[in-house]
Amino acid sequence: MFRGKEYVYEIYKEKSFSAAAQKLYITQPALSNTVKRIEDRIGFPIFDRSTSPVQLTEVGKEYIRSAEIILKAEEDFAHYLADTQNLKTGKLSIGGGALLSSYVLPKLIAGFREKFPYVELNIMEGSTPTLQRSLADGVLDFLIDKEVITGENFECREYQQEYMILAVPGSWEINGRLAAYQQSLENIITEQFLAPQYPEVPLEQFSDAPFVMLTPESSMYQRAAGVCAQYGFVPKTVLTLDQEMTAYNMTCAGLGASFVSDTLVKGAMPHPNVVYYKLAPEFASQTIYFYYKKNRYIPKCMSEFLEMLDNGSKKADDLRR
């Protein structure tokens, strides 16, 4: 009765016969004929084709509910078989924003790939809300994010701390007065700038400076606005952007100061026209998390990745000590 359920389920997800046919790499007439045979077999229509987009009938809703149970059981059994094959097969899908996908994931993925070369790895970039939905739907195994995601559907694993840094155009006159507070690129890469002997910049000195800021919804903006408030001013925003990397590039071009993560500074190409300043760690630190769906089967490839995360976090803590 559920033979061919994958075709029905794809139409349900896409809400379109034509879109589903493209995803399945078959023609629309062939897909329509397959669904018609399934409907004839159960004796009821699954889709109401008179609406746009197509909708499920009452019988169709129950069909999908049952099909999802079967698909989940098949997925769990496939994971079990992959485990018994000692990771000779398997898939691991990780989602993240552009910054973390560019500067945090590559080293992790390379290490995992070296250890388990037969596991298929997929990386998906996007916004946190989009990736969160993919994680909830089971499309992703992990989501790496700096945002705190609330809710009962996810568990998280802390990976590492990152720190907000003030990036300032090197041509600004104020840099001459604050030379004692400037941090070298080497200090940031080695995280020596976190040591007590390196003082935090008196941020109030920049109260009249132009800033390139991220959107108010972002955690980076909220932390940046918070630390400015501690020094008694509101940053004078000349440009508001969505992406941290774009804001940093604007600073490189001399448009304004920006608040960026040490993750970005470590990963991006060094720029000769930017000066870096340390901020108070109690205001500037943030955790990078790996999220995964709660109450799901954890295949061996996921458990091995989690173990690698734990080992990486322990090494990072040992280095900071």
C-alpha atoms as a PDB file:
ATOM      1  CA  MET A   1       0.000   0.000   0.000  1.00  0.00           C
ATOM      2  CA  PHE A   2       2.907   2.364   0.698  1.00  0.00           C
ATOM      3  CA  ARG A   3       4.993   1.358  -2.299  1.00  0.00           C
ATOM      4  CA  GLY A   4       5.915   4.617  -4.050  1.00  0.00           C
ATOM      5  CA  LYS A   5       5.362   6.713  -0.909  1.00  0.00           C
ATOM      6  CA  GLU A   6       8.522   8.718  -1.691  1.00  0.00           C
ATOM      7  CA  TYR A   7       6.777  10.202  -4.734  1.00  0.00           C
ATOM      8  CA  VAL A   8       3.726  11.187  -2.728  1.00  0.00           C
ATOM      9  CA  TYR A   9       5.857  12.641   0.040  1.00  0.00           C
ATOM     10  CA  GLU A  10       7.878  14.791  -2.382  1.00  0.00           C
ATOM     11  CA  ILE A  11       4.676  16.304  -3.791  1.00  0.00           C
ATOM     12  CA  TYR A  12       3.480  16.957  -0.244  1.00  0.00           C
ATOM     13  CA  LYS A  13       6.731  18.787   0.581  1.00  0.00           C
ATOM     14  CA  GLU A  14       6.851  20.787  -2.652  1.00  0.00           C
ATOM     15  CA  LYS A  15       3.064  21.336  -2.873  1.00  0.00           C
ATOM     16  CA  SER A  16       3.434  20.973  -6.626  1.00  0.00           C
ATOM     17  CA  PHE A  17       3.540  18.036  -9.046  1.00  0.00           C
ATOM     18  CA  SER A  18       5.905  19.868 -11.411  1.00  0.00           C
ATOM     19  CA  ALA A  19       8.354  20.932  -8.686  1.00  0.00           C
ATOM     20  CA  ALA A  20       8.334  17.417  -7.212  1.00  0.00           C
ATOM     21  CA  ALA A  21       8.971  15.888 -10.634  1.00  0.00           C
ATOM     22  CA  GLN A  22      12.051  18.093 -11.048  1.00  0.00           C
ATOM     23  CA  LYS A  23      13.382  17.051  -7.635  1.00  0.00           C
ATOM     24  CA  LEU A  24      12.770  13.383  -8.472  1.00  0.00           C
ATOM     25  CA  TYR A  25      14.286  13.703 -11.971  1.00  0.00           C
ATOM     26  CA  ILE A  26      11.207  12.259 -13.680  1.00  0.00           C
ATOM     27  CA  THR A  27       8.591  13.763 -15.971  1.00  0.00           C
ATOM     28  CA  GLN A  28       5.424  15.235 -14.539  1.00  0.00           C
ATOM     29  CA  PRO A  29       3.146  12.806 -16.478  1.00  0.00           C
ATOM     30  CA  ALA A  30       5.116   9.861 -15.114  1.00  0.00           C
ATOM     31  CA  LEU A  31       4.795  11.216 -11.575  1.00  0.00           C
ATOM     32  CA  SER A  32       1.056  11.841 -12.010  1.00  0.00           C
ATOM     33  CA  ASN A  33       0.541   8.295 -13.290  1.00  0.00           C
ATOM     34  CA  THR A  34       2.466   6.833 -10.344  1.00  0.00           C
ATOM     35  CA  VAL A  35       0.361   8.769  -7.818  1.00  0.00           C
ATOM     36  CA  LYS A  36      -2.828   7.802  -9.636  1.00  0.00           C
ATOM     37  CA  ARG A  37      -1.910   4.110  -9.321  1.00  0.00           C
ATOM     38  CA  ILE A  38      -1.293   4.587  -5.581  1.00  0.00           C
ATOM     39  CA  GLU A  39      -4.647   6.342  -5.193  1.00  0.00           C
ATOM     40  CA  ASP A  40      -6.379   3.555  -7.128  1.00  0.00           C
ATOM     41  CA  ARG A  41      -4.714   1.014  -4.872  1.00  0.00           C
ATOM     42  CA  ILE A  42      -5.975   2.618  -1.651  1.00  0.00           C
ATOM     43  CA  GLY A  43      -9.328   3.598  -3.157  1.00  0.00           C
ATOM     44  CA  PHE A  44      -9.219   7.316  -2.283  1.00  0.00           C
ATOM     45  CA  PRO A  45      -7.572  10.432  -3.702  1.00  0.00           C
ATOM     46  CA  ILE A  46      -4.534  11.684  -1.771  1.00  0.00           C
ATOM     47  CA  PHE A  47      -4.354  15.161  -3.281  1.00  0.00           C
ATOM     48  CA  ASP A  48      -6.979  17.773  -4.054  1.00  0.00           C
ATOM     49  CA  ARG A  49      -5.783  18.857  -7.494  1.00  0.00           C
ATOM     50  CA  SER A  50      -8.364  21.636  -7.799  1.00  0.00           C
ATOM     51  CA  THR A  51      -6.391  23.923  -5.478  1.00  0.00           C
ATOM     52  CA  SER A  52      -3.158  25.778  -6.093  1.00  0.00           C
ATOM     53  CA  PRO A  53      -0.924  24.786  -4.480  1.00  0.00           C
ATOM     54  CA  VAL A  54      -2.222  21.247  -4.279  1.00  0.00           C
ATOM     55  CA  GLN A  55      -3.597  20.224  -0.881  1.00  0.00           C
ATOM     56  CA  LEU A  56      -3.968  16.910   0.910  1.00  0.00           C
ATOM     57  CA  THR A  57      -7.356  15.305   1.253  1.00  0.00           C
ATOM     58  CA  GLU A  58      -8.351  13.935   4.660  1.00  0.00           C
ATOM     59  CA  VAL A  59      -7.226  10.481   3.550  1.00  0.00           C
ATOM     60  CA  GLY A  60      -4.060  12.079   2.182  1.00  0.00           C
ATOM     61  CA  LYS A  61      -3.235  13.591   5.574  1.00  0.00           C
ATOM     62  CA  GLU A  62      -3.475  10.179   7.210  1.00  0.00           C
ATOM     63  CA  TYR A  63      -1.404   8.651   4.386  1.00  0.00           C
ATOM     64  CA  ILE A  64       1.367  11.210   4.975  1.00  0.00           C
ATOM     65  CA  ARG A  65       1.262  10.664   8.743  1.00  0.00           C
ATOM     66  CA  SER A  66       1.702   6.922   8.259  1.00  0.00           C
ATOM     67  CA  ALA A  67       4.304   7.388   5.521  1.00  0.00           C
ATOM     68  CA  GLU A  68       6.412   9.581   7.831  1.00  0.00           C
ATOM     69  CA  ILE A  69       6.411   6.827  10.446  1.00  0.00           C
ATOM     70  CA  ILE A  70       7.589   4.326   7.849  1.00  0.00           C
ATOM     71  CA  LEU A  71      10.212   6.700   6.410  1.00  0.00           C
ATOM     72  CA  LYS A  72      11.557   7.371   9.900  1.00  0.00           C
ATOM     73  CA  ALA A  73      11.781   3.655  10.602  1.00  0.00           C
ATOM     74  CA  GLU A  74      13.619   3.099   7.314  1.00  0.00           C
ATOM     75  CA  GLU A  75      16.009   5.948   8.104  1.00  0.00           C
ATOM     76  CA  ASP A  76      16.777   4.545  11.566  1.00  0.00           C
ATOM     77  CA  PHE A  77      17.419   1.090  10.110  1.00  0.00           C
ATOM     78  CA  ALA A  78      19.703   2.558   7.441  1.00  0.00           C
ATOM     79  CA  HIS A  79      21.691   4.292  10.199  1.00  0.00           C
ATOM     80  CA  TYR A  80      21.910   1.009  12.073  1.00  0.00           C
ATOM     81  CA  LEU A  81      23.263  -0.772   9.003  1.00  0.00           C
ATOM     82  CA  ALA A  82      25.806   2.001   8.480  1.00  0.00           C
ATOM     83  CA  ASP A  83      26.996   1.552  12.050  1.00  0.00           C
ATOM     84  CA  THR A  84      27.470  -2.190  11.581  1.00  0.00           C
ATOM     85  CA  GLN A  85      29.634  -1.468   8.550  1.00  0.00           C
ATOM     86  CA  ASN A  86      32.111   0.504  10.703  1.00  0.00           C
ATOM     87  CA  LEU A  87      31.394   3.788   8.918  1.00  0.00           C
ATOM     88  CA  LYS A  88      32.107   2.422   5.468  1.00  0.00           C
ATOM     89  CA  THR A  89      28.935   4.280   4.514  1.00  0.00           C
ATOM     90  CA  GLY A  90      26.920   7.050   6.103  1.00  0.00           C
ATOM     91  CA  LYS A  91      26.042  10.712   5.748  1.00  0.00           C
ATOM     92  CA  LEU A  92      26.673  13.760   7.895  1.00  0.00           C
ATOM     93  CA  SER A  93      25.007  17.090   7.143  1.00  0.00           C
ATOM     94  CA  ILE A  94      26.030  20.308   8.900  1.00  0.00           C
ATOM     95  CA  GLY A  95      24.526  23.764   8.504  1.00  0.00           C
ATOM     96  CA  GLY A  96      25.949  27.150   9.404  1.00  0.00           C
ATOM     97  CA  GLY A  97      26.164  30.797   8.471  1.00  0.00           C
ATOM     98  CA  ALA A  98      28.783  32.056   6.042  1.00  0.00           C
ATOM     99  CA  LEU A  99      31.311  33.106   8.690  1.00  0.00           C
ATOM    100  CA  LEU A 100      31.370  29.897  10.734  1.00  0.00           C
ATOM    101  CA  SER A 101      31.141  27.741   7.605  1.00  0.00           C
ATOM    102  CA  SER A 102      34.176  29.545   6.191  1.00  0.00           C
ATOM    103  CA  TYR A 103      36.404  29.797   9.251  1.00  0.00           C
ATOM    104  CA  VAL A 104      35.397  27.145  11.801  1.00  0.00           C
ATOM    105  CA  LEU A 105      34.015  24.168   9.877  1.00  0.00           C
ATOM    106  CA  PRO A 106      36.881  23.550   7.387  1.00  0.00           C
ATOM    107  CA  LYS A 107      39.372  22.340  10.015  1.00  0.00           C
ATOM    108  CA  LEU A 108      36.731  20.166  11.680  1.00  0.00           C
ATOM    109  CA  ILE A 109      35.553  18.703   8.387  1.00  0.00           C
ATOM    110  CA  ALA A 110      39.109  18.007   7.232  1.00  0.00           C
ATOM    111  CA  GLY A 111      39.882  16.151  10.475  1.00  0.00           C
ATOM    112  CA  PHE A 112      36.684  14.108  10.281  1.00  0.00           C
ATOM    113  CA  ARG A 113      37.234  13.342   6.607  1.00  0.00           C
ATOM    114  CA  GLU A 114      40.743  12.084   7.282  1.00  0.00           C
ATOM    115  CA  LYS A 115      39.471   9.712   9.946  1.00  0.00           C
ATOM    116  CA  PHE A 116      36.300   8.585   8.124  1.00  0.00           C
ATOM    117  CA  PRO A 117      36.872   9.006   4.372  1.00  0.00           C
ATOM    118  CA  TYR A 118      33.780   7.015   3.344  1.00  0.00           C
ATOM    119  CA  VAL A 119      31.220   9.164   5.161  1.00  0.00           C
ATOM    120  CA  GLU A 120      29.420  11.550   2.797  1.00  0.00           C
ATOM    121  CA  LEU A 121      29.669  15.107   4.125  1.00  0.00           C
ATOM    122  CA  ASN A 122      27.205  17.857   3.212  1.00  0.00           C
ATOM    123  CA  ILE A 123      27.492  21.520   4.220  1.00  0.00           C
ATOM    124  CA  MET A 124      24.516  23.870   3.991  1.00  0.00           C
ATOM    125  CA  GLU A 125      24.880  27.640   4.373  1.00  0.00           C
ATOM    126  CA  GLY A 126      21.996  29.927   5.252  1.00  0.00           C
ATOM    127  CA  SER A 127      20.321  32.056   7.887  1.00  0.00           C
ATOM    128  CA  THR A 128      19.704  30.752  11.397  1.00  0.00           C
ATOM    129  CA  PRO A 129      15.881  30.495  10.991  1.00  0.00           C
ATOM    130  CA  THR A 130      16.207  28.570   7.711  1.00  0.00           C
ATOM    131  CA  LEU A 131      18.844  26.213   9.071  1.00  0.00           C
ATOM    132  CA  GLN A 132      16.885  25.735  12.280  1.00  0.00           C
ATOM    133  CA  ARG A 133      13.900  24.523  10.269  1.00  0.00           C
ATOM    134  CA  SER A 134      16.155  22.145   8.334  1.00  0.00           C
ATOM    135  CA  LEU A 135      17.501  20.783  11.601  1.00  0.00           C
ATOM    136  CA  ALA A 136      13.978  20.277  12.948  1.00  0.00           C
ATOM    137  CA  ASP A 137      12.941  18.531   9.715  1.00  0.00           C
ATOM    138  CA  GLY A 138      15.888  16.145   9.888  1.00  0.00           C
ATOM    139  CA  VAL A 139      17.594  17.556   6.784  1.00  0.00           C
ATOM    140  CA  LEU A 140      20.575  18.569   8.939  1.00  0.00           C
ATOM    141  CA  ASP A 141      22.350  16.537  11.592  1.00  0.00           C
ATOM    142  CA  PHE A 142      24.071  19.550  13.157  1.00  0.00           C
ATOM    143  CA  LEU A 143      23.763  23.327  13.148  1.00  0.00           C
ATOM    144  CA  ILE A 144      26.740  25.461  14.163  1.00  0.00           C
ATOM    145  CA  ASP A 145      25.705  28.860  15.463  1.00  0.00           C
ATOM    146  CA  LYS A 146      26.605  31.647  17.871  1.00  0.00           C
ATOM    147  CA  GLU A 147      22.957  32.436  18.525  1.00  0.00           C
ATOM    148  CA  VAL A 148      21.271  30.898  21.566  1.00  0.00           C
ATOM    149  CA  ILE A 149      18.422  28.816  20.145  1.00  0.00           C
ATOM    150  CA  THR A 150      15.657  28.266  22.643  1.00  0.00           C
ATOM    151  CA  GLY A 151      13.050  25.534  22.587  1.00  0.00           C
ATOM    152  CA  GLU A 152      12.592  21.924  23.575  1.00  0.00           C
ATOM    153  CA  ASN A 153      13.416  20.392  20.183  1.00  0.00           C
ATOM    154  CA  PHE A 154      17.192  20.777  20.268  1.00  0.00           C
ATOM    155  CA  GLU A 155      20.196  19.811  22.318  1.00  0.00           C
ATOM    156  CA  CYS A 156      23.482  21.657  22.059  1.00  0.00           C
ATOM    157  CA  ARG A 157      27.156  21.056  22.603  1.00  0.00           C
ATOM    158  CA  GLU A 158      29.445  23.965  23.475  1.00  0.00           C
ATOM    159  CA  TYR A 159      32.393  23.998  21.101  1.00  0.00           C
ATOM    160  CA  GLN A 160      34.546  27.028  21.829  1.00  0.00           C
ATOM    161  CA  GLN A 161      34.557  30.621  22.979  1.00  0.00           C
ATOM    162  CA  GLU A 162      35.091  33.507  20.626  1.00  0.00           C
ATOM    163  CA  TYR A 163      35.759  37.137  21.473  1.00  0.00           C
ATOM    164  CA  MET A 164      34.564  40.417  20.044  1.00  0.00           C
ATOM    165  CA  ILE A 165      37.299  42.795  18.912  1.00  0.00           C
ATOM    166  CA  LEU A 166      37.153  46.428  17.849  1.00  0.00           C
ATOM    167  CA  ALA A 167      38.497  46.895  14.310  1.00  0.00           C
ATOM    168  CA  VAL A 168      39.444  50.464  13.365  1.00  0.00           C
ATOM    169  CA  PRO A 169      40.691  51.973  10.074  1.00  0.00           C
ATOM    170  CA  GLY A 170      44.447  52.391  10.387  1.00  0.00           C
ATOM    171  CA  SER A 171      44.397  55.920   8.965  1.00  0.00           C
ATOM    172  CA  TRP A 172      42.441  57.360  11.907  1.00  0.00           C
ATOM    173  CA  GLU A 173      44.373  59.894  13.982  1.00  0.00           C
ATOM    174  CA  ILE A 174      43.039  58.427  17.240  1.00  0.00           C
ATOM    175  CA  ASN A 175      45.214  55.340  16.744  1.00  0.00           C
ATOM    176  CA  GLY A 176      48.292  57.402  17.528  1.00  0.00           C
ATOM    177  CA  ARG A 177      46.947  58.209  20.994  1.00  0.00           C
ATOM    178  CA  LEU A 178      45.920  54.615  21.691  1.00  0.00           C
ATOM    179  CA  ALA A 179      49.026  52.765  20.513  1.00  0.00           C
ATOM    180  CA  ALA A 180      49.490  51.109  23.920  1.00  0.00           C
ATOM    181  CA  TYR A 181      46.155  49.313  23.509  1.00  0.00           C
ATOM    182  CA  GLN A 182      46.638  47.966  19.996  1.00  0.00           C
ATOM    183  CA  GLN A 183      46.813  44.198  19.460  1.00  0.00           C
ATOM    184  CA  SER A 184      48.975  42.499  16.859  1.00  0.00           C
ATOM    185  CA  LEU A 185      47.518  39.915  14.521  1.00  0.00           C
ATOM    186  CA  GLU A 186      49.838  37.324  16.099  1.00  0.00           C
ATOM    187  CA  ASN A 187      48.450  38.103  19.563  1.00  0.00           C
ATOM    188  CA  ILE A 188      44.912  37.534  18.300  1.00  0.00           C
ATOM    189  CA  ILE A 189      45.740  34.325  16.436  1.00  0.00           C
ATOM    190  CA  THR A 190      47.477  32.841  19.497  1.00  0.00           C
ATOM    191  CA  GLU A 191      44.866  34.339  21.865  1.00  0.00           C
ATOM    192  CA  GLN A 192      47.649  35.986  23.854  1.00  0.00           C
ATOM    193  CA  PHE A 193      45.613  39.196  23.730  1.00  0.00           C
ATOM    194  CA  LEU A 194      43.352  37.661  26.390  1.00  0.00           C
ATOM    195  CA  ALA A 195      46.186  37.672  28.933  1.00  0.00           C
ATOM    196  CA  PRO A 196      45.834  40.199  31.803  1.00  0.00           C
ATOM    197  CA  GLN A 197      48.954  42.143  30.787  1.00  0.00           C
ATOM    198  CA  TYR A 198      47.177  43.372  27.655  1.00  0.00           C
ATOM    199  CA  PRO A 199      44.750  46.153  28.662  1.00  0.00           C
ATOM    200  CA  GLU A 200      41.285  46.764  27.228  1.00  0.00           C
ATOM    201  CA  VAL A 201      40.909  49.872  25.113  1.00  0.00           C
ATOM    202  CA  PRO A 202      39.091  52.803  26.786  1.00  0.00           C
ATOM    203  CA  LEU A 203      36.160  52.543  24.409  1.00  0.00           C
ATOM    204  CA  GLU A 204      34.748  55.957  25.302  1.00  0.00           C
ATOM    205  CA  GLN A 205      37.546  57.416  23.177  1.00  0.00           C
ATOM    206  CA  PHE A 206      35.496  56.300  20.148  1.00  0.00           C
ATOM    207  CA  SER A 207      32.219  57.887  21.286  1.00  0.00           C
ATOM    208  CA  ASP A 208      32.292  60.375  18.389  1.00  0.00           C
ATOM    209  CA  ALA A 209      33.641  57.928  15.784  1.00  0.00           C
ATOM    210  CA  PRO A 210      31.538  56.499  12.918  1.00  0.00           C
ATOM    211  CA  PHE A 211      30.644  52.826  13.244  1.00  0.00           C
ATOM    212  CA  VAL A 212      29.612  50.139  10.778  1.00  0.00           C
ATOM    213  CA  MET A 213      27.146  47.993  12.706  1.00  0.00           C
ATOM    214  CA  LEU A 214      25.199  44.788  12.148  1.00  0.00           C
ATOM    215  CA  THR A 215      21.400  44.674  12.265  1.00  0.00           C
ATOM    216  CA  PRO A 216      19.866  45.094  15.748  1.00  0.00           C
ATOM    217  CA  GLU A 217      18.512  41.510  15.637  1.00  0.00           C
ATOM    218  CA  SER A 218      22.015  40.015  15.612  1.00  0.00           C
ATOM    219  CA  SER A 219      23.789  38.901  18.770  1.00  0.00           C
ATOM    220  CA  MET A 220      26.909  40.785  17.637  1.00  0.00           C
ATOM    221  CA  TYR A 221      24.974  44.068  17.556  1.00  0.00           C
ATOM    222  CA  GLN A 222      23.476  43.416  20.975  1.00  0.00           C
ATOM    223  CA  ARG A 223      26.869  42.697  22.510  1.00  0.00           C
ATOM    224  CA  ALA A 224      28.433  45.702  20.752  1.00  0.00           C
ATOM    225  CA  ALA A 225      25.661  48.052  21.873  1.00  0.00           C
ATOM    226  CA  GLY A 226      25.951  46.619  25.391  1.00  0.00           C
ATOM    227  CA  VAL A 227      29.675  47.224  25.694  1.00  0.00           C
ATOM    228  CA  CYS A 228      29.285  50.772  24.312  1.00  0.00           C
ATOM    229  CA  ALA A 229      26.589  51.416  26.914  1.00  0.00           C
ATOM    230  CA  GLN A 230      29.025  50.320  29.624  1.00  0.00           C
ATOM    231  CA  TYR A 231      31.304  53.136  28.470  1.00  0.00           C
ATOM    232  CA  GLY A 232      28.469  55.652  28.405  1.00  0.00           C
ATOM    233  CA  PHE A 233      27.696  56.161  24.720  1.00  0.00           C
ATOM    234  CA  VAL A 234      25.616  54.942  21.798  1.00  0.00           C
ATOM    235  CA  PRO A 235      27.658  54.150  18.657  1.00  0.00           C
ATOM    236  CA  LYS A 236      27.130  56.587  15.789  1.00  0.00           C
ATOM    237  CA  THR A 237      26.080  54.192  13.049  1.00  0.00           C
ATOM    238  CA  VAL A 238      26.861  55.243   9.480  1.00  0.00           C
ATOM    239  CA  LEU A 239      26.048  51.891   7.883  1.00  0.00           C
ATOM    240  CA  THR A 240      23.981  48.870   8.954  1.00  0.00           C
ATOM    241  CA  LEU A 241      24.726  45.464   7.414  1.00  0.00           C
ATOM    242  CA  ASP A 242      23.640  41.830   7.711  1.00  0.00           C
ATOM    243  CA  GLN A 243      27.016  40.123   7.549  1.00  0.00           C
ATOM    244  CA  GLU A 244      30.002  40.474   9.855  1.00  0.00           C
ATOM    245  CA  MET A 245      32.449  39.876   7.007  1.00  0.00           C
ATOM    246  CA  THR A 246      30.910  42.732   5.019  1.00  0.00           C
ATOM    247  CA  ALA A 247      31.158  45.086   8.003  1.00  0.00           C
ATOM    248  CA  TYR A 248      34.821  44.164   8.420  1.00  0.00           C
ATOM    249  CA  ASN A 249      35.492  44.848   4.746  1.00  0.00           C
ATOM    250  CA  MET A 250      33.905  48.287   5.167  1.00  0.00           C
ATOM    251  CA  THR A 251      36.352  48.966   7.996  1.00  0.00           C
ATOM    252  CA  CYS A 252      39.196  47.839   5.746  1.00  0.00           C
ATOM    253  CA  ALA A 253      37.979  50.444   3.238  1.00  0.00           C
ATOM    254  CA  GLY A 254      38.015  53.143   5.931  1.00  0.00           C
ATOM    255  CA  LEU A 255      34.256  53.743   6.266  1.00  0.00           C
ATOM    256  CA  GLY A 256      34.047  53.219  10.017  1.00  0.00           C
ATOM    257  CA  ALA A 257      35.019  51.118  13.010  1.00  0.00           C
ATOM    258  CA  SER A 258      33.324  47.741  13.440  1.00  0.00           C
ATOM    259  CA  PHE A 259      32.926  45.055  16.067  1.00  0.00           C
ATOM    260  CA  VAL A 260      34.148  41.712  14.736  1.00  0.00           C
ATOM    261  CA  SER A 261      34.939  38.297  16.178  1.00  0.00           C
ATOM    262  CA  ASP A 262      38.422  36.914  16.647  1.00  0.00           C
ATOM    263  CA  THR A 263      37.131  33.996  14.537  1.00  0.00           C
ATOM    264  CA  LEU A 264      36.923  36.371  11.575  1.00  0.00           C
ATOM    265  CA  VAL A 265      40.244  38.096  12.286  1.00  0.00           C
ATOM    266  CA  LYS A 266      42.029  34.735  12.550  1.00  0.00           C
ATOM    267  CA  GLY A 267      40.474  33.381   9.358  1.00  0.00           C
ATOM    268  CA  ALA A 268      40.419  36.399   7.040  1.00  0.00           C
ATOM    269  CA  MET A 269      43.377  37.644   5.060  1.00  0.00           C
ATOM    270  CA  PRO A 270      45.370  40.171   7.172  1.00  0.00           C
ATOM    271  CA  HIS A 271      44.723  43.766   6.154  1.00  0.00           C
ATOM    272  CA  PRO A 272      47.467  46.406   6.563  1.00  0.00           C
ATOM    273  CA  ASN A 273      44.997  49.262   7.040  1.00  0.00           C
ATOM    274  CA  VAL A 274      43.197  47.929  10.123  1.00  0.00           C
ATOM    275  CA  VAL A 275      44.107  48.301  13.813  1.00  0.00           C
ATOM    276  CA  TYR A 276      42.689  45.928  16.437  1.00  0.00           C
ATOM    277  CA  TYR A 277      41.749  46.661  20.037  1.00  0.00           C
ATOM    278  CA  LYS A 278      40.896  44.340  22.910  1.00  0.00           C
ATOM    279  CA  LEU A 279      37.535  44.713  24.651  1.00  0.00           C
ATOM    280  CA  ALA A 280      36.641  43.609  28.178  1.00  0.00           C
ATOM    281  CA  PRO A 281      36.234  39.786  27.976  1.00  0.00           C
ATOM    282  CA  GLU A 282      33.208  39.825  30.307  1.00  0.00           C
ATOM    283  CA  PHE A 283      31.339  41.816  27.653  1.00  0.00           C
ATOM    284  CA  ALA A 284      33.046  40.452  24.553  1.00  0.00           C
ATOM    285  CA  SER A 285      32.980  36.658  24.934  1.00  0.00           C
ATOM    286  CA  GLN A 286      30.457  34.416  23.222  1.00  0.00           C
ATOM    287  CA  THR A 287      30.028  30.660  22.833  1.00  0.00           C
ATOM    288  CA  ILE A 288      29.924  28.785  19.542  1.00  0.00           C
ATOM    289  CA  TYR A 289      27.431  25.914  19.756  1.00  0.00           C
ATOM    290  CA  PHE A 290      26.647  22.802  17.766  1.00  0.00           C
ATOM    291  CA  TYR A 291      22.922  22.037  17.877  1.00  0.00           C
ATOM    292  CA  TYR A 292      21.273  18.721  17.072  1.00  0.00           C
ATOM    293  CA  LYS A 293      17.720  17.411  17.260  1.00  0.00           C
ATOM    294  CA  LYS A 294      16.569  15.993  20.562  1.00  0.00           C
ATOM    295  CA  ASN A 295      15.212  12.439  20.892  1.00  0.00           C
ATOM    296  CA  ARG A 296      16.563  11.264  17.571  1.00  0.00           C
ATOM    297  CA  TYR A 297      18.650   8.220  16.776  1.00  0.00           C
ATOM    298  CA  ILE A 298      22.343   9.154  16.962  1.00  0.00           C
ATOM    299  CA  PRO A 299      24.201   7.169  14.283  1.00  0.00           C
ATOM    300  CA  LYS A 300      27.851   6.347  14.712  1.00  0.00           C
ATOM    301  CA  CYS A 301      28.994   9.116  12.342  1.00  0.00           C
ATOM    302  CA  MET A 302      27.194  11.673  14.553  1.00  0.00           C
ATOM    303  CA  SER A 303      28.566  10.221  17.784  1.00  0.00           C
ATOM    304  CA  GLU A 304      32.092  10.265  16.346  1.00  0.00           C
ATOM    305  CA  PHE A 305      31.655  13.898  15.328  1.00  0.00           C
ATOM    306  CA  LEU A 306      30.403  14.783  18.821  1.00  0.00           C
ATOM    307  CA  GLU A 307      33.437  13.051  20.330  1.00  0.00           C
ATOM    308  CA  MET A 308      35.695  15.079  18.017  1.00  0.00           C
ATOM    309  CA  LEU A 309      33.966  18.284  19.179  1.00  0.00           C
ATOM    310  CA  ASP A 310      34.548  17.363  22.826  1.00  0.00           C
ATOM    311  CA  ASN A 311      38.221  16.643  22.167  1.00  0.00           C
ATOM    312  CA  GLY A 312      38.623  19.924  20.286  1.00  0.00           C
ATOM    313  CA  SER A 313      36.977  21.883  23.102  1.00  0.00           C
ATOM    314  CA  LYS A 314      39.242  20.249  25.687  1.00  0.00           C
ATOM    315  CA  LYS A 315      42.378  21.079  23.705  1.00  0.00           C
ATOM    316  CA  ALA A 316      41.255  24.703  23.317  1.00  0.00           C
ATOM    317  CA  ASP A 317      40.651  24.990  27.085  1.00  0.00           C
ATOM    318  CA  ASP A 318      44.079  23.490  27.830  1.00  0.00           C
ATOM    319  CA  LEU A 319      45.759  26.021  25.506  1.00  0.00           C
ATOM    320  CA  ARG A 320      44.007  28.949  27.223  1.00  0.00           C
ATOM    321  CA  ARG A 321      45.287  27.776  30.596  1.00  0.00           C
END
